[in-house]
C-alpha atoms as a PDB file:
ATOM      1  CA  MET A   1      -5.116   6.468 -43.334  1.00  0.00           C
ATOM      2  CA  GLY A   2      -2.309   8.957 -41.902  1.00  0.00           C
ATOM      3  CA  SER A   3       0.298   9.977 -43.953  1.00  0.00           C
ATOM      4  CA  ASP A   4       2.579   7.803 -41.424  1.00  0.00           C
ATOM      5  CA  GLU A   5       0.989   4.612 -41.997  1.00  0.00           C
ATOM      6  CA  GLY A   6       3.977   1.837 -41.745  1.00  0.00           C
ATOM      7  CA  ASN A   7       6.407   3.941 -40.843  1.00  0.00           C
ATOM      8  CA  PRO A   8       5.932   3.600 -36.543  1.00  0.00           C
ATOM      9  CA  ALA A   9       7.954   6.319 -34.391  1.00  0.00           C
ATOM     10  CA  GLU A  10      11.966   5.276 -33.338  1.00  0.00           C
ATOM     11  CA  LEU A  11      12.341   5.970 -29.670  1.00  0.00           C
ATOM     12  CA  PRO A  12      15.005   8.146 -28.865  1.00  0.00           C
ATOM     13  CA  GLY A  13      18.613   7.269 -29.355  1.00  0.00           C
ATOM     14  CA  PRO A  14      20.479   7.730 -25.892  1.00  0.00           C
ATOM     15  CA  SER A  15      21.426  11.872 -25.590  1.00  0.00           C
ATOM     16  CA  ASP A  16      25.061  13.212 -26.620  1.00  0.00           C
ATOM     17  CA  ASP A  17      26.731  12.904 -22.536  1.00  0.00           C
ATOM     18  CA  ALA A  18      25.400   9.102 -22.144  1.00  0.00           C
ATOM     19  CA  PRO A  19      28.160   7.513 -20.963  1.00  0.00           C
ATOM     20  CA  ASP A  20      28.438   4.224 -23.513  1.00  0.00           C
ATOM     21  CA  LEU A  21      25.699   1.703 -23.069  1.00  0.00           C
ATOM     22  CA  ARG A  22      28.254  -1.555 -24.504  1.00  0.00           C
ATOM     23  CA  PHE A  23      28.655  -1.356 -20.903  1.00  0.00           C
ATOM     24  CA  PRO A  24      28.572   1.941 -18.243  1.00  0.00           C
ATOM     25  CA  ALA A  25      32.850   2.719 -16.832  1.00  0.00           C
ATOM     26  CA  LEU A  26      33.187   0.701 -14.020  1.00  0.00           C
ATOM     27  CA  THR A  27      34.998   2.102 -10.600  1.00  0.00           C
ATOM     28  CA  SER A  28      37.035  -0.076  -9.058  1.00  0.00           C
ATOM     29  CA  HIS A  29      34.016  -0.998  -5.933  1.00  0.00           C
ATOM     30  CA  SER A  30      31.843  -2.577  -8.436  1.00  0.00           C
ATOM     31  CA  GLN A  31      34.093  -3.578 -10.875  1.00  0.00           C
ATOM     32  CA  GLU A  32      35.166  -5.919  -7.120  1.00  0.00           C
ATOM     33  CA  VAL A  33      31.980  -7.097  -6.736  1.00  0.00           C
ATOM     34  CA  LEU A  34      31.461  -7.848 -10.151  1.00  0.00           C
ATOM     35  CA  ASP A  35      34.368 -10.282 -10.264  1.00  0.00           C
ATOM     36  CA  THR A  36      32.991 -11.283  -6.194  1.00  0.00           C
ATOM     37  CA  LEU A  37      30.100 -11.881  -7.844  1.00  0.00           C
ATOM     38  CA  ALA A  38      31.283 -13.880 -11.126  1.00  0.00           C
ATOM     39  CA  ARG A  39      32.705 -16.398  -8.994  1.00  0.00           C
ATOM     40  CA  GLN A  40      29.156 -16.990  -6.982  1.00  0.00           C
ATOM     41  CA  ARG A  41      26.972 -19.879  -8.276  1.00  0.00           C
ATOM     42  CA  GLY A  42      24.044 -19.079 -11.048  1.00  0.00           C
ATOM     43  CA  ARG A  43      24.524 -15.177 -12.819  1.00  0.00           C
ATOM     44  CA  ALA A  44      24.475 -13.228 -10.064  1.00  0.00           C
ATOM     45  CA  ASP A  45      27.321 -11.388 -12.105  1.00  0.00           C
ATOM     46  CA  HIS A  46      24.852 -10.842 -15.092  1.00  0.00           C
ATOM     47  CA  PHE A  47      21.980 -10.059 -12.502  1.00  0.00           C
ATOM     48  CA  TYR A  48      24.848  -7.117 -11.536  1.00  0.00           C
ATOM     49  CA  GLU A  49      25.737  -6.979 -14.988  1.00  0.00           C
ATOM     50  CA  GLY A  50      21.750  -5.079 -15.667  1.00  0.00           C
ATOM     51  CA  ALA A  51      21.140  -2.978 -13.451  1.00  0.00           C
ATOM     52  CA  LEU A  52      24.946  -1.028 -13.513  1.00  0.00           C
ATOM     53  CA  ARG A  53      24.053  -0.940 -17.279  1.00  0.00           C
ATOM     54  CA  ALA A  54      20.553   0.503 -17.050  1.00  0.00           C
ATOM     55  CA  LEU A  55      21.304   2.777 -14.140  1.00  0.00           C
ATOM     56  CA  ALA A  56      24.034   4.241 -16.877  1.00  0.00           C
ATOM     57  CA  ASP A  57      21.061   4.141 -19.797  1.00  0.00           C
ATOM     58  CA  ARG A  58      19.945   7.535 -19.190  1.00  0.00           C
ATOM     59  CA  SER A  59      17.540   7.561 -22.831  1.00  0.00           C
ATOM     60  CA  SER A  60      15.132   4.743 -20.867  1.00  0.00           C
ATOM     61  CA  PRO A  61      12.433   6.623 -18.578  1.00  0.00           C
ATOM     62  CA  VAL A  62      13.065   3.426 -16.358  1.00  0.00           C
ATOM     63  CA  ARG A  63      16.455   3.387 -14.852  1.00  0.00           C
ATOM     64  CA  ALA A  64      15.038   2.842 -11.731  1.00  0.00           C
ATOM     65  CA  GLU A  65      12.822   1.106 -11.970  1.00  0.00           C
ATOM     66  CA  THR A  66      14.891  -1.628 -14.120  1.00  0.00           C
ATOM     67  CA  ALA A  67      18.320  -1.512 -11.552  1.00  0.00           C
ATOM     68  CA  ALA A  68      15.422  -2.261  -9.081  1.00  0.00           C
ATOM     69  CA  TYR A  69      14.295  -6.259 -10.695  1.00  0.00           C
ATOM     70  CA  CYS A  70      18.056  -6.993 -11.701  1.00  0.00           C
ATOM     71  CA  LEU A  71      19.107  -6.665  -7.871  1.00  0.00           C
ATOM     72  CA  ARG A  72      15.791  -8.344  -6.794  1.00  0.00           C
ATOM     73  CA  GLU A  73      16.599 -11.165  -9.392  1.00  0.00           C
ATOM     74  CA  LEU A  74      19.784 -11.610  -8.642  1.00  0.00           C
ATOM     75  CA  ILE A  75      18.812 -11.868  -4.202  1.00  0.00           C
ATOM     76  CA  GLU A  76      16.688 -14.641  -6.340  1.00  0.00           C
ATOM     77  CA  GLU A  77      19.457 -16.063  -8.073  1.00  0.00           C
ATOM     78  CA  LEU A  78      21.788 -16.854  -4.959  1.00  0.00           C
ATOM     79  CA  GLU A  79      18.765 -18.627  -3.482  1.00  0.00           C
ATOM     80  CA  ARG A  80      18.200 -20.248  -6.785  1.00  0.00           C
ATOM     81  CA  ALA A  81      21.873 -21.343  -5.693  1.00  0.00           C
ATOM     82  CA  ALA A  82      21.620 -21.954  -1.839  1.00  0.00           C
ATOM     83  CA  LEU A  83      18.898 -23.681  -2.929  1.00  0.00           C
ATOM     84  CA  ALA A  84      19.366 -25.734  -5.747  1.00  0.00           C
ATOM     85  CA  PRO A  85      18.600 -29.717  -4.847  1.00  0.00           C
ATOM     86  CA  LYS A  86      21.147 -31.758  -3.161  1.00  0.00           C
ATOM     87  CA  PRO A  87      21.261 -35.845  -3.233  1.00  0.00           C
ATOM     88  CA  GLY A  88      18.851 -37.429  -1.173  1.00  0.00           C
ATOM     89  CA  PRO A  89      15.390 -38.856  -0.960  1.00  0.00           C
ATOM     90  CA  GLY A  90      13.133 -37.373  -3.671  1.00  0.00           C
ATOM     91  CA  LEU A  91       9.306 -37.529  -3.634  1.00  0.00           C
ATOM     92  CA  GLY A  92       9.169 -40.445  -6.460  1.00  0.00           C
ATOM     93  CA  GLU A  93      10.546 -42.744  -3.448  1.00  0.00           C
ATOM     94  CA  LEU A  94       8.958 -41.678  -0.909  1.00  0.00           C
ATOM     95  CA  PHE A  95       5.760 -41.918  -2.735  1.00  0.00           C
ATOM     96  CA  ASP A  96       7.837 -45.323  -3.853  1.00  0.00           C
ATOM     97  CA  ALA A  97       8.131 -46.197   0.811  1.00  0.00           C
ATOM     98  CA  PHE A  98       4.802 -44.711   1.101  1.00  0.00           C
ATOM     99  CA  ARG A  99       2.483 -46.514  -1.477  1.00  0.00           C
ATOM    100  CA  PRO A 100       2.705 -50.045  -0.114  1.00  0.00           C
ATOM    101  CA  ALA A 101       2.503 -49.328   3.924  1.00  0.00           C
ATOM    102  CA  TRP A 102      -0.860 -47.562   2.656  1.00  0.00           C
ATOM    103  CA  LYS A 103      -2.176 -50.635   0.712  1.00  0.00           C
ATOM    104  CA  ASP A 104      -1.722 -52.622   2.730  1.00  0.00           C
ATOM    105  CA  ALA A 105      -3.678 -51.267   6.131  1.00  0.00           C
ATOM    106  CA  VAL A 106      -6.723 -52.363   8.289  1.00  0.00           C
ATOM    107  CA  ARG A 107      -9.690 -51.130   7.221  1.00  0.00           C
ATOM    108  CA  ARG A 108     -11.997 -51.525   9.463  1.00  0.00           C
ATOM    109  CA  SER A 109     -14.699 -49.814   7.146  1.00  0.00           C
ATOM    110  CA  GLU A 110     -15.694 -47.926   4.449  1.00  0.00           C
ATOM    111  CA  ASP A 111     -17.470 -45.616   6.632  1.00  0.00           C
ATOM    112  CA  ASP A 112     -14.110 -45.619   9.580  1.00  0.00           C
ATOM    113  CA  GLY A 113     -11.574 -45.901   7.768  1.00  0.00           C
ATOM    114  CA  LEU A 114      -7.894 -47.235   9.442  1.00  0.00           C
ATOM    115  CA  VAL A 115      -8.834 -48.607  12.285  1.00  0.00           C
ATOM    116  CA  ASP A 116      -6.713 -46.054  15.131  1.00  0.00           C
ATOM    117  CA  ASN A 117      -3.694 -43.873  14.885  1.00  0.00           C
ATOM    118  CA  CYS A 118      -0.467 -46.060  15.294  1.00  0.00           C
ATOM    119  CA  ASP A 119      -1.396 -48.347  11.971  1.00  0.00           C
ATOM    120  CA  PRO A 120       1.385 -47.818  10.267  1.00  0.00           C
ATOM    121  CA  ALA A 121       0.112 -46.812   7.282  1.00  0.00           C
ATOM    122  CA  VAL A 122      -1.442 -43.348   9.190  1.00  0.00           C
ATOM    123  CA  PHE A 123       2.398 -43.346  11.018  1.00  0.00           C
ATOM    124  CA  ALA A 124       4.381 -43.562   7.415  1.00  0.00           C
ATOM    125  CA  ALA A 125       1.692 -40.341   6.271  1.00  0.00           C
ATOM    126  CA  ASP A 126       2.657 -38.714   8.485  1.00  0.00           C
ATOM    127  CA  GLN A 127       5.789 -39.378   8.368  1.00  0.00           C
ATOM    128  CA  PHE A 128       5.200 -38.102   4.155  1.00  0.00           C
ATOM    129  CA  VAL A 129       3.963 -35.156   5.565  1.00  0.00           C
ATOM    130  CA  GLU A 130       6.379 -34.232   7.704  1.00  0.00           C
ATOM    131  CA  ALA A 131       9.190 -34.504   4.422  1.00  0.00           C
ATOM    132  CA  ALA A 132       6.854 -32.358   2.535  1.00  0.00           C
ATOM    133  CA  GLU A 133       5.555 -29.826   4.318  1.00  0.00           C
ATOM    134  CA  ALA A 134      10.044 -29.440   5.503  1.00  0.00           C
ATOM    135  CA  THR A 135      10.555 -28.793   1.481  1.00  0.00           C
ATOM    136  CA  ARG A 136       8.372 -25.802   2.063  1.00  0.00           C
ATOM    137  CA  ALA A 137      10.936 -23.141   3.423  1.00  0.00           C
ATOM    138  CA  THR A 138       9.324 -18.975   4.503  1.00  0.00           C
ATOM    139  CA  ARG A 139      10.949 -15.855   2.420  1.00  0.00           C
ATOM    140  CA  ARG A 140      13.080 -15.387   6.646  1.00  0.00           C
ATOM    141  CA  ASP A 141      13.937 -19.558   5.794  1.00  0.00           C
ATOM    142  CA  ARG A 142      16.423 -18.946   2.246  1.00  0.00           C
ATOM    143  CA  ALA A 143      17.671 -15.993   3.613  1.00  0.00           C
ATOM    144  CA  GLN A 144      18.670 -17.350   6.445  1.00  0.00           C
ATOM    145  CA  THR A 145      20.058 -21.013   3.600  1.00  0.00           C
ATOM    146  CA  THR A 146      21.728 -18.548   1.257  1.00  0.00           C
ATOM    147  CA  PHE A 147      23.468 -16.736   3.533  1.00  0.00           C
ATOM    148  CA  SER A 148      25.131 -20.291   5.800  1.00  0.00           C
ATOM    149  CA  GLU A 149      25.061 -21.971   2.270  1.00  0.00           C
ATOM    150  CA  LEU A 150      27.328 -19.875  -0.090  1.00  0.00           C
ATOM    151  CA  ASP A 151      29.028 -18.021   3.086  1.00  0.00           C
ATOM    152  CA  PRO A 152      32.646 -18.428   1.384  1.00  0.00           C
ATOM    153  CA  VAL A 153      34.234 -19.095   4.722  1.00  0.00           C
ATOM    154  CA  GLN A 154      31.411 -20.275   7.033  1.00  0.00           C
ATOM    155  CA  ARG A 155      32.507 -18.313   9.480  1.00  0.00           C
ATOM    156  CA  PRO A 156      29.827 -18.718  13.303  1.00  0.00           C
ATOM    157  CA  ASP A 157      29.081 -15.522  13.693  1.00  0.00           C
ATOM    158  CA  PRO A 158      27.473 -13.925  16.960  1.00  0.00           C
ATOM    159  CA  PRO A 159      23.254 -15.002  16.448  1.00  0.00           C
ATOM    160  CA  ASP A 160      22.518 -11.604  16.707  1.00  0.00           C
ATOM    161  CA  THR A 161      24.964 -10.652  13.711  1.00  0.00           C
ATOM    162  CA  HIS A 162      23.566 -13.166  11.569  1.00  0.00           C
ATOM    163  CA  GLU A 163      20.060 -11.852  12.219  1.00  0.00           C
ATOM    164  CA  ALA A 164      21.250  -8.707  11.480  1.00  0.00           C
ATOM    165  CA  GLN A 165      22.636 -10.081   8.332  1.00  0.00           C
ATOM    166  CA  ILE A 166      19.317 -11.952   7.001  1.00  0.00           C
ATOM    167  CA  LYS A 167      17.285  -8.643   8.325  1.00  0.00           C
ATOM    168  CA  ARG A 168      19.675  -6.805   5.763  1.00  0.00           C
ATOM    169  CA  LEU A 169      18.849  -9.236   3.371  1.00  0.00           C
ATOM    170  CA  LEU A 170      15.173  -9.126   3.768  1.00  0.00           C
ATOM    171  CA  ASP A 171      15.305  -5.274   3.981  1.00  0.00           C
ATOM    172  CA  PHE A 172      17.246  -5.018   0.315  1.00  0.00           C
ATOM    173  CA  ARG A 173      14.706  -7.544  -1.139  1.00  0.00           C
ATOM    174  CA  ASP A 174      11.501  -5.195  -0.046  1.00  0.00           C
ATOM    175  CA  GLU A 175      13.542  -1.882  -1.381  1.00  0.00           C
ATOM    176  CA  PHE A 176      14.117  -3.505  -5.434  1.00  0.00           C
ATOM    177  CA  ASN A 177      10.217  -4.125  -5.112  1.00  0.00           C
ATOM    178  CA  HIS A 178       9.096  -0.495  -3.701  1.00  0.00           C
ATOM    179  CA  VAL A 179      11.375   0.714  -6.403  1.00  0.00           C
ATOM    180  CA  LEU A 180       9.944  -2.138  -9.140  1.00  0.00           C
ATOM    181  CA  HIS A 181       6.653  -1.229  -7.981  1.00  0.00           C
ATOM    182  CA  GLY A 182       5.920   2.014  -6.417  1.00  0.00           C
ATOM    183  CA  GLU A 183       2.944   4.392  -7.606  1.00  0.00           C
ATOM    184  CA  GLU A 184       6.239   7.194  -7.839  1.00  0.00           C
ATOM    185  CA  PRO A 185       8.890   6.986  -9.922  1.00  0.00           C
ATOM    186  CA  THR A 186      12.267   6.646  -8.595  1.00  0.00           C
ATOM    187  CA  ASP A 187      15.066   9.489  -8.882  1.00  0.00           C
ATOM    188  CA  PRO A 188      17.894   7.757 -10.550  1.00  0.00           C
ATOM    189  CA  GLU A 189      21.037   9.390  -8.478  1.00  0.00           C
ATOM    190  CA  THR A 190      18.457   8.645  -5.589  1.00  0.00           C
ATOM    191  CA  PHE A 191      18.745   4.501  -6.076  1.00  0.00           C
ATOM    192  CA  LYS A 192      22.500   5.361  -6.557  1.00  0.00           C
ATOM    193  CA  ALA A 193      23.246   5.483  -3.053  1.00  0.00           C
ATOM    194  CA  SER A 194      21.022   2.401  -2.826  1.00  0.00           C
ATOM    195  CA  VAL A 195      22.742   0.715  -5.243  1.00  0.00           C
ATOM    196  CA  GLU A 196      26.531   1.761  -3.576  1.00  0.00           C
ATOM    197  CA  SER A 197      25.359   0.232   0.220  1.00  0.00           C
ATOM    198  CA  PHE A 198      24.190  -2.735  -1.479  1.00  0.00           C
ATOM    199  CA  GLU A 199      27.867  -3.969  -2.978  1.00  0.00           C
ATOM    200  CA  THR A 200      29.245  -2.927  -0.155  1.00  0.00           C
ATOM    201  CA  PHE A 201      26.879  -5.071   1.342  1.00  0.00           C
ATOM    202  CA  LEU A 202      28.061  -7.957  -0.857  1.00  0.00           C
ATOM    203  CA  LEU A 203      31.671  -7.733  -0.709  1.00  0.00           C
ATOM    204  CA  ALA A 204      31.345  -7.958   3.831  1.00  0.00           C
ATOM    205  CA  TRP A 205      29.310 -11.147   3.214  1.00  0.00           C
ATOM    206  CA  PHE A 206      31.261 -12.663   0.104  1.00  0.00           C
ATOM    207  CA  ALA A 207      34.891 -11.235   0.367  1.00  0.00           C
ATOM    208  CA  PRO A 208      35.544 -10.350   4.225  1.00  0.00           C
ATOM    209  CA  ARG A 209      37.970  -7.752   5.221  1.00  0.00           C
ATOM    210  CA  THR A 210      39.890  -7.820   7.611  1.00  0.00           C
ATOM    211  CA  PHE A 211      39.420  -8.629  11.660  1.00  0.00           C
ATOM    212  CA  GLU A 212      39.979  -4.208  11.373  1.00  0.00           C
ATOM    213  CA  ASP A 213      37.681  -3.885   9.461  1.00  0.00           C
ATOM    214  CA  PHE A 214      35.155  -5.244  11.068  1.00  0.00           C
ATOM    215  CA  SER A 215      33.600  -2.947  12.556  1.00  0.00           C
ATOM    216  CA  GLU A 216      32.732  -0.706   9.744  1.00  0.00           C
ATOM    217  CA  ILE A 217      30.496  -4.066   9.129  1.00  0.00           C
ATOM    218  CA  ASP A 218      29.270  -3.185  11.993  1.00  0.00           C
ATOM    219  CA  GLU A 219      27.885  -0.054  11.507  1.00  0.00           C
ATOM    220  CA  LEU A 220      26.473  -0.980   7.896  1.00  0.00           C
ATOM    221  CA  LEU A 221      24.548  -3.571   9.458  1.00  0.00           C
ATOM    222  CA  GLU A 222      22.839  -1.294  12.048  1.00  0.00           C
ATOM    223  CA  GLU A 223      22.091   1.781   9.528  1.00  0.00           C
ATOM    224  CA  GLY A 224      19.901   0.132   7.493  1.00  0.00           C
ATOM    225  CA  PRO A 225      18.483   0.635   4.027  1.00  0.00           C
ATOM    226  CA  PRO A 226      19.757   3.771   2.315  1.00  0.00           C
ATOM    227  CA  ALA A 227      15.936   6.421   3.799  1.00  0.00           C
END
């Protein structure tokens, strides 16, 4: 056995010029984002803080990838908050309403099955399936619901603006996934531009500015994610 048995190699520590890893120094912009997310339901602010810590850790070989993971989870945390179950009939209640109709359905024979599609049990089954399918949301549906549910002022945006916001959120998710799973590593300094763009997007969403600043927000939506 080698002489190093029982003495595992140590990971390199942060360089002398690394920022304080207990928490990176926040710009006023980042502090505003953190405070804004802290007022939302869920742990979005925790994932944002995690992304900032990851980018600040110069000893990590996957700074951008770790930050991208945190930011993707931030988006999913907002979706979880927006899509949290609301009062209404659950699966058990729906099944209890369905079961007696199905049990009492008139059957012609084992081979023929139910008499026709007008049978109350068939109708009940159709309603049950429709209700179950309605609970399944597409990726875009989740983004749209997230915007609607978490909009602090519930403002009725013009359709084009609303669609642009949804697309922007989906683009950010795609970008963060690409950084996380990309074949080539992402330069952390370059990735910071994407983070800053996402911060501006979050503030425009959760802390909407006065009317004179709307033109700046429209320009941001038109630009799309950084190349």
